[in-house]
Protein backbone atom coordinates (compact mmCIF):
# COMPACT_ATOMS: atom_id res chain seq x y z
CA MET A 1 -4.54 -24.35 -19.94
CA PHE A 2 -3.30 -24.49 -16.44
CA ILE A 3 -2.90 -21.36 -13.97
CA ALA A 4 -1.11 -22.22 -10.57
CA HIS A 5 -2.54 -20.98 -8.21
CA ARG A 6 -0.56 -18.63 -5.93
CA GLY A 7 2.46 -20.79 -8.07
CA LEU A 8 3.57 -24.21 -8.06
CA VAL A 9 4.03 -25.05 -3.87
CA LYS A 10 6.44 -28.46 -4.06
CA LYS A 11 7.56 -30.24 -0.85
CA GLY A 12 9.64 -26.80 0.88
CA VAL A 13 7.87 -24.37 -1.20
CA VAL A 14 5.55 -21.90 0.32
CA GLU A 15 2.93 -20.28 -1.83
CA ASN A 16 3.74 -16.78 -3.14
CA THR A 17 6.87 -17.00 -3.07
CA LEU A 18 9.74 -16.74 -5.81
CA PRO A 19 10.77 -20.48 -5.92
CA ALA A 20 6.50 -21.00 -6.11
CA PHE A 21 6.29 -18.99 -9.29
CA LEU A 22 9.73 -20.45 -10.64
CA ASN A 23 8.33 -23.67 -10.74
CA ALA A 24 5.52 -22.38 -12.26
CA ILE A 25 7.57 -20.90 -15.20
CA LYS A 26 9.59 -24.10 -15.29
CA SER A 27 6.49 -26.27 -15.92
CA ASN A 28 4.95 -27.46 -19.41
CA LYS A 29 1.73 -28.19 -17.50
CA TYR A 30 1.52 -24.18 -16.46
CA ALA A 31 0.59 -21.30 -19.09
CA GLY A 32 1.14 -18.92 -15.98
CA PHE A 33 0.32 -18.62 -12.12
CA GLU A 34 -1.45 -16.57 -9.76
CA LEU A 35 -0.85 -13.85 -7.01
CA ASP A 36 -2.36 -12.05 -4.40
CA VAL A 37 -0.85 -8.74 -3.94
CA TYR A 38 -1.73 -5.96 -1.15
CA THR A 39 -0.04 -2.66 0.11
CA SER A 40 2.66 -2.31 3.35
CA LYS A 41 2.75 0.75 5.27
CA ASP A 42 5.66 2.51 3.44
CA LYS A 43 3.59 1.92 0.29
CA VAL A 44 5.68 -1.46 -1.25
CA PHE A 45 3.38 -3.48 -3.25
CA VAL A 46 4.04 -6.98 -1.43
CA VAL A 47 2.72 -10.82 -2.39
CA HIS A 48 0.81 -12.59 0.45
CA HIS A 49 -2.69 -14.36 0.13
CA ASP A 50 -3.62 -13.58 3.57
CA PRO A 51 -4.40 -10.03 4.72
CA ILE A 52 -3.01 -10.36 8.68
CA VAL A 53 1.22 -11.69 9.02
CA ASN A 54 2.39 -12.16 12.25
CA GLY A 55 -1.35 -10.98 14.03
CA LYS A 56 -1.17 -7.66 12.31
CA PHE A 57 -2.33 -6.28 8.93
CA ILE A 58 -0.19 -5.95 6.10
CA TRP A 59 -0.97 -2.19 5.70
CA LYS A 60 0.05 -1.49 9.11
CA GLN A 61 3.55 -3.05 8.79
CA THR A 62 6.38 -1.95 6.83
CA TYR A 63 8.34 -3.40 4.40
CA LYS A 64 10.80 -4.43 6.32
CA GLU A 65 8.75 -5.97 9.29
CA LEU A 66 6.92 -8.01 6.54
CA ARG A 67 10.50 -9.31 4.43
CA LYS A 68 11.23 -11.14 8.17
CA SER A 69 8.33 -13.09 7.59
CA GLY A 70 9.52 -14.00 4.20
CA ILE A 71 7.28 -11.65 2.14
CA ILE A 72 8.05 -10.81 -0.72
CA LYS A 73 7.69 -7.60 -3.29
CA LEU A 74 5.86 -7.22 -6.63
CA VAL A 75 8.32 -6.02 -8.75
CA ASP A 76 10.50 -8.65 -7.59
CA VAL A 77 8.15 -11.19 -9.44
CA LEU A 78 7.75 -8.90 -12.21
CA LYS A 79 11.34 -9.10 -13.05
CA LEU A 80 11.14 -13.04 -13.18
CA SER A 81 11.76 -14.09 -16.81
CA THR A 82 9.08 -15.21 -18.30
CA ASP A 83 6.88 -14.79 -21.02
CA LYS A 84 3.92 -16.69 -19.07
CA ILE A 85 0.72 -15.45 -17.57
CA ILE A 86 1.15 -13.55 -14.47
CA LEU A 87 -2.58 -13.54 -13.33
CA ILE A 88 -2.50 -10.74 -10.17
CA ASP A 89 -4.98 -10.72 -7.06
CA ILE A 90 -5.33 -7.50 -6.05
CA LYS A 91 -6.39 -8.29 -2.69
CA ASP A 92 -6.15 -4.02 -1.33
CA ILE A 93 -9.29 -2.31 -1.66
CA ASN A 94 -7.19 0.83 -0.88
CA LEU A 95 -4.01 0.21 -3.36
CA ASP A 96 -3.15 3.26 -5.20
CA ILE A 97 -4.18 2.47 -8.82
CA THR A 98 -2.04 5.31 -10.35
CA LYS A 99 1.02 3.76 -8.60
CA PHE A 100 0.30 0.44 -9.38
CA THR A 101 -0.21 1.14 -13.09
CA LYS A 102 2.91 3.08 -13.62
CA LEU A 103 4.65 -0.19 -12.39
CA LEU A 104 2.97 -2.27 -14.20
CA ASN A 105 3.19 -0.43 -17.24
CA LYS A 106 6.90 -0.89 -16.93
CA TYR A 107 6.68 -4.45 -18.03
CA LYS A 108 5.02 -3.98 -20.97
CA ASP A 109 6.93 -7.23 -22.39
CA LYS A 110 5.18 -9.44 -19.77
CA ASN A 111 2.03 -11.14 -20.24
CA ILE A 112 0.20 -9.71 -17.10
CA TYR A 113 -3.73 -9.87 -16.30
CA VAL A 114 -4.96 -8.04 -13.47
CA MET A 115 -8.46 -8.78 -11.54
CA SER A 116 -10.30 -8.39 -8.14
CA PHE A 117 -13.13 -9.67 -5.51
CA PHE A 118 -13.58 -5.45 -6.21
CA ASN A 119 -15.25 -4.00 -9.21
CA SER A 120 -14.68 -0.41 -7.22
CA VAL A 121 -11.17 -1.07 -7.40
CA ILE A 122 -10.76 -2.28 -11.17
CA LYS A 123 -13.45 0.46 -12.36
CA LYS A 124 -10.11 2.67 -11.37
CA PHE A 125 -8.09 1.51 -14.51
CA LYS A 126 -7.92 3.89 -17.29
CA ASN A 127 -6.27 2.71 -20.25
CA PRO A 128 -3.84 -0.21 -19.47
CA THR A 129 -1.19 -2.16 -21.05
CA PHE A 130 -2.23 -4.96 -19.60
CA LYS A 131 -5.38 -7.06 -19.17
CA VAL A 132 -7.95 -6.28 -16.34
CA GLY A 133 -10.85 -8.50 -15.05
CA ILE A 134 -13.53 -9.01 -12.38
CA LEU A 135 -13.47 -12.52 -10.45
CA ASN A 136 -16.30 -13.97 -9.66
CA PHE A 137 -18.58 -12.06 -11.71
CA VAL A 138 -22.30 -13.63 -10.02
CA LEU A 139 -21.36 -11.91 -6.74
CA ASN A 140 -20.06 -8.49 -8.64
CA SER A 141 -22.69 -8.15 -11.23
CA THR A 142 -22.95 -4.75 -13.22
CA SER A 143 -24.11 -3.36 -16.37
CA GLU A 144 -21.36 -2.02 -17.30
CA TYR A 145 -19.37 -4.91 -18.47
CA ASN A 146 -15.84 -3.60 -20.36
CA TYR A 147 -13.37 -6.38 -19.07
CA ASP A 148 -11.10 -8.66 -20.62
CA PHE A 149 -11.77 -11.70 -18.61
CA ILE A 150 -13.38 -12.55 -15.29
CA GLY A 151 -12.38 -15.16 -13.37
CA ILE A 152 -15.97 -17.48 -12.23
CA LEU A 153 -15.94 -20.18 -9.39
CA TYR A 154 -15.71 -23.56 -10.25
CA ASP A 155 -19.01 -24.00 -8.00
CA ILE A 156 -21.01 -21.66 -10.01
CA ALA A 157 -20.19 -21.87 -13.33
CA THR A 158 -22.33 -23.48 -16.23
CA THR A 159 -21.73 -23.69 -19.53
CA HIS A 160 -24.04 -20.86 -20.52
CA MET A 161 -22.30 -18.52 -18.51
CA ILE A 162 -19.14 -19.37 -20.11
CA ASN A 163 -20.22 -19.78 -23.63
CA SER A 164 -22.24 -16.38 -23.49
CA LEU A 165 -19.23 -14.31 -22.23
CA LYS A 166 -17.04 -16.19 -25.05
CA ASP A 167 -19.56 -14.18 -27.16
CA LEU A 168 -18.30 -11.15 -26.28
CA ASN A 169 -14.81 -12.06 -26.68
CA ILE A 170 -14.39 -12.09 -22.70
CA GLU A 171 -11.57 -14.81 -21.74
CA VAL A 172 -12.87 -16.84 -18.82
CA PHE A 173 -10.92 -18.21 -16.43
CA ILE A 174 -12.50 -20.87 -14.04
CA TYR A 175 -11.50 -20.30 -10.57
CA ALA A 176 -10.57 -22.56 -7.10
CA ILE A 177 -10.61 -26.13 -9.01
CA SER A 178 -9.16 -28.71 -7.21
CA LYS A 179 -7.78 -32.49 -7.53
CA LYS A 180 -10.83 -33.81 -6.89
CA ASP A 181 -12.59 -31.90 -8.92
CA LYS A 182 -13.59 -33.13 -12.58
CA TYR A 183 -12.27 -30.68 -15.48
CA ILE A 184 -15.99 -30.40 -17.16
CA PHE A 185 -15.93 -27.14 -19.13
CA ASN A 186 -14.20 -27.84 -22.02
CA ASP A 187 -14.76 -23.99 -23.67
CA VAL A 188 -12.35 -21.97 -20.99
CA TYR A 189 -9.63 -20.42 -22.02
CA TYR A 190 -7.64 -21.35 -18.27
CA ILE A 191 -8.34 -23.53 -15.15
CA VAL A 192 -6.55 -21.58 -12.01
CA ASP A 193 -6.13 -24.84 -10.23
CA PHE A 194 -5.48 -25.27 -6.01
CA ILE A 195 -2.85 -28.49 -7.27
């Protein structure tokens, strides 16, 4: 099953926006969508991929400033009517996990997965009502692997790696697949594409 990376972008629709997420929700091809989260200066969880907007770091700007550039709040995404997967990639190493968990726990009816490149961020979650995982396990290896899922970059994934994780009942997301790639992994749960 496919996950729309930063939403389903079509002509006139920008990534990490409500229209991109709504496109993914409406599409039969996608089981869900992925998005990226940072925290603004005034502690609002915002959806954006890059850490810099208009020449300044996101965490040095208020949401009012960021909104002028079309950046949306995470809470607005969580309010969307869908039972599809909402795959949240935490880009902000200093994100307030307690506040973030409280927000997500309000949406227990949603199919939420939370991941990050940062083990230190994911390890802070205590008894979440949503699934937690790590992105790119090879570069973030640990002997204490108690996550629900893992995102593995397509270029480094192997069938043996995937099967070993599945044997541990860990869901596998293959990440960063483009149109030119061949989907050679039949045993993964989800494919996060760049299409």
